[in-house]
Amino acid sequence: MEFWKDLFLVSSEIKETGIVNTALFLFDIGFDRTVLLDIDLLKEGNFPTNKMEFVKKVNMKGAQGNEIPVITANLKTLKIGKYKFKNILVQTTTSQKPLFDKNVHLLGREILKRFYLFLDFQKNVVYLKPNHLFYDKYIDQKKKGI
């Protein structure tokens, strides 16, 4: 766990066609999807977004009421601690970002709800334990046509 201003971030890993990026992720229970990937971080890590399977493009509302154009695509692997999620639908920003002054990915409610989370701020460690929702379908899988 790392801290930036009054937020805590955790290191996680994304993988697509053999390219692995490790980056900081913000826990965001207000974001109701799996993951929101920051376009600037993806560019910095030469992440092959063009190899991700495109699903759709929509506009989301940010916390400050700003519109954020996002692309939904299939990500091969997300690794948080020792847990891996394969072939999950994620969103990537195309221009505006959730945090204006920090390049960071977001872990949303669709991932976080699958764990009991224990935050040890003395040791700067996040402990994860899968709960009864761990194997549930994702919200985008529940919708017809996706």
Protein backbone atom coordinates (compact mmCIF):
# COMPACT_ATOMS: atom_id res chain seq x y z
CA MET A 1 0.00 0.00 0.00
CA GLU A 2 1.23 3.48 -0.85
CA PHE A 3 -0.21 6.86 0.01
CA TRP A 4 -0.79 9.90 -2.18
CA LYS A 5 -2.39 12.92 -0.52
CA ASP A 6 -5.25 11.40 1.53
CA LEU A 7 -5.69 8.33 -0.71
CA PHE A 8 -4.18 4.90 -0.42
CA LEU A 9 -3.13 2.95 -3.50
CA VAL A 10 -2.19 -0.67 -4.05
CA SER A 11 0.15 -2.18 -6.60
CA SER A 12 -1.47 -4.58 -9.06
CA GLU A 13 -0.64 -6.08 -12.42
CA ILE A 14 -2.31 -6.18 -15.82
CA LYS A 15 -1.30 -8.42 -18.71
CA GLU A 16 -2.18 -8.56 -22.41
CA THR A 17 -0.46 -10.58 -25.16
CA GLY A 18 2.61 -11.20 -23.01
CA ILE A 19 3.08 -7.56 -21.94
CA VAL A 20 2.86 -7.04 -18.18
CA ASN A 21 2.44 -3.66 -16.49
CA THR A 22 2.59 -3.15 -12.74
CA ALA A 23 0.99 0.05 -11.51
CA LEU A 24 -0.82 1.70 -8.63
CA PHE A 25 -4.58 1.25 -8.34
CA LEU A 26 -7.00 3.31 -6.27
CA PHE A 27 -9.84 1.48 -4.50
CA ASP A 28 -13.00 3.16 -5.78
CA ILE A 29 -16.27 1.72 -4.48
CA GLY A 30 -18.09 4.51 -6.33
CA PHE A 31 -17.02 3.00 -9.67
CA ASP A 32 -19.45 0.15 -10.30
CA ARG A 33 -17.42 -1.72 -12.93
CA THR A 34 -14.28 -3.86 -12.63
CA VAL A 35 -11.34 -1.63 -13.53
CA LEU A 36 -10.80 1.78 -15.09
CA LEU A 37 -7.40 1.93 -16.78
CA ASP A 38 -5.67 5.29 -17.12
CA ILE A 39 -4.65 5.94 -20.75
CA ASP A 40 -1.48 7.83 -19.74
CA LEU A 41 -0.25 4.93 -17.58
CA LEU A 42 -0.99 2.50 -20.39
CA LYS A 43 1.04 4.62 -22.82
CA GLU A 44 3.95 4.92 -20.34
CA GLY A 45 4.09 1.13 -20.02
CA ASN A 46 3.68 0.52 -23.79
CA PHE A 47 0.63 -1.57 -22.94
CA PRO A 48 -0.95 -3.09 -26.10
CA THR A 49 -4.46 -1.64 -25.81
CA ASN A 50 -4.83 -2.17 -29.56
CA LYS A 51 -4.63 -5.93 -28.92
CA MET A 52 -7.49 -5.87 -26.41
CA GLU A 53 -10.84 -7.01 -27.82
CA PHE A 54 -13.04 -3.90 -28.26
CA VAL A 55 -16.60 -4.17 -26.84
CA LYS A 56 -18.12 -0.65 -26.82
CA LYS A 57 -17.54 3.08 -26.27
CA VAL A 58 -19.63 5.17 -23.83
CA ASN A 59 -19.49 8.38 -21.76
CA MET A 60 -19.34 8.10 -17.96
CA LYS A 61 -19.78 10.82 -15.34
CA GLY A 62 -16.80 11.54 -13.12
CA ALA A 63 -16.97 12.35 -9.40
CA GLN A 64 -16.79 16.07 -10.19
CA GLY A 65 -19.62 15.80 -12.76
CA ASN A 66 -17.25 15.77 -15.71
CA GLU A 67 -17.92 13.50 -18.69
CA ILE A 68 -15.29 10.82 -19.26
CA PRO A 69 -15.33 8.97 -22.62
CA VAL A 70 -14.38 5.33 -22.00
CA ILE A 71 -13.85 2.24 -24.09
CA THR A 72 -14.91 -1.15 -22.74
CA ALA A 73 -12.56 -3.94 -23.79
CA ASN A 74 -11.53 -7.43 -22.72
CA LEU A 75 -8.37 -7.65 -20.58
CA LYS A 76 -6.54 -10.99 -20.53
CA THR A 77 -5.32 -10.85 -16.91
CA LEU A 78 -5.62 -8.69 -13.81
CA LYS A 79 -3.55 -9.78 -10.81
CA ILE A 80 -4.14 -8.41 -7.32
CA GLY A 81 -1.85 -9.97 -4.75
CA LYS A 82 -1.97 -13.70 -5.43
CA TYR A 83 -5.40 -13.56 -7.12
CA LYS A 84 -5.82 -13.53 -10.89
CA PHE A 85 -8.86 -12.52 -12.90
CA LYS A 86 -8.86 -13.68 -16.51
CA ASN A 87 -10.72 -12.27 -19.51
CA ILE A 88 -12.57 -9.51 -17.71
CA LEU A 89 -14.24 -6.48 -19.24
CA VAL A 90 -12.47 -3.27 -18.25
CA GLN A 91 -12.83 0.37 -19.15
CA THR A 92 -10.04 2.59 -20.49
CA THR A 93 -10.12 6.37 -20.51
CA THR A 94 -9.71 8.11 -23.84
CA SER A 95 -9.07 11.69 -22.75
CA GLN A 96 -10.31 13.00 -19.39
CA LYS A 97 -9.29 11.14 -16.28
CA PRO A 98 -10.89 10.53 -12.87
CA LEU A 99 -7.96 12.19 -11.04
CA PHE A 100 -6.64 15.28 -12.77
CA ASP A 101 -3.22 15.41 -11.11
CA LYS A 102 -2.28 11.72 -10.78
CA ASN A 103 -1.92 8.86 -13.24
CA VAL A 104 -3.62 5.94 -11.54
CA HIS A 105 -5.86 3.02 -12.43
CA LEU A 106 -9.07 2.34 -10.47
CA LEU A 107 -10.23 -0.93 -8.93
CA GLY A 108 -13.99 -0.77 -8.93
CA ARG A 109 -16.78 -2.34 -6.94
CA GLU A 110 -17.11 -5.33 -9.32
CA ILE A 111 -13.64 -6.48 -8.15
CA LEU A 112 -13.59 -5.21 -4.57
CA LYS A 113 -16.94 -6.78 -3.61
CA ARG A 114 -15.39 -10.23 -4.15
CA PHE A 115 -13.07 -9.87 -1.16
CA TYR A 116 -13.05 -9.30 2.53
CA LEU A 117 -10.52 -6.48 2.82
CA PHE A 118 -8.32 -5.93 5.83
CA LEU A 119 -6.37 -2.68 5.83
CA ASP A 120 -3.31 -2.56 8.08
CA PHE A 121 -2.22 1.08 8.04
CA GLN A 122 0.51 0.38 10.62
CA LYS A 123 2.33 -1.94 8.17
CA ASN A 124 0.94 -0.41 4.94
CA VAL A 125 -0.50 -3.76 3.85
CA VAL A 126 -3.85 -4.76 2.36
CA TYR A 127 -4.97 -8.32 3.08
CA LEU A 128 -7.47 -9.94 0.72
CA LYS A 129 -9.66 -12.92 1.44
CA PRO A 130 -12.16 -14.14 -1.19
CA ASN A 131 -15.78 -14.10 -0.05
CA HIS A 132 -19.00 -15.73 -1.29
CA LEU A 133 -19.16 -13.28 -4.26
CA PHE A 134 -15.72 -14.23 -5.61
CA TYR A 135 -17.07 -16.35 -8.50
CA ASP A 136 -20.14 -14.23 -9.32
CA LYS A 137 -20.62 -13.02 -12.88
CA TYR A 138 -19.57 -9.46 -13.59
CA ILE A 139 -22.25 -6.82 -14.12
CA ASP A 140 -21.39 -6.59 -17.84
CA GLN A 141 -21.70 -10.37 -18.21
CA LYS A 142 -25.23 -10.23 -16.80
CA LYS A 143 -26.39 -7.90 -19.57
CA LYS A 144 -27.57 -9.46 -22.82
CA GLY A 145 -25.38 -8.93 -25.85
CA ILE A 146 -22.10 -8.64 -23.95
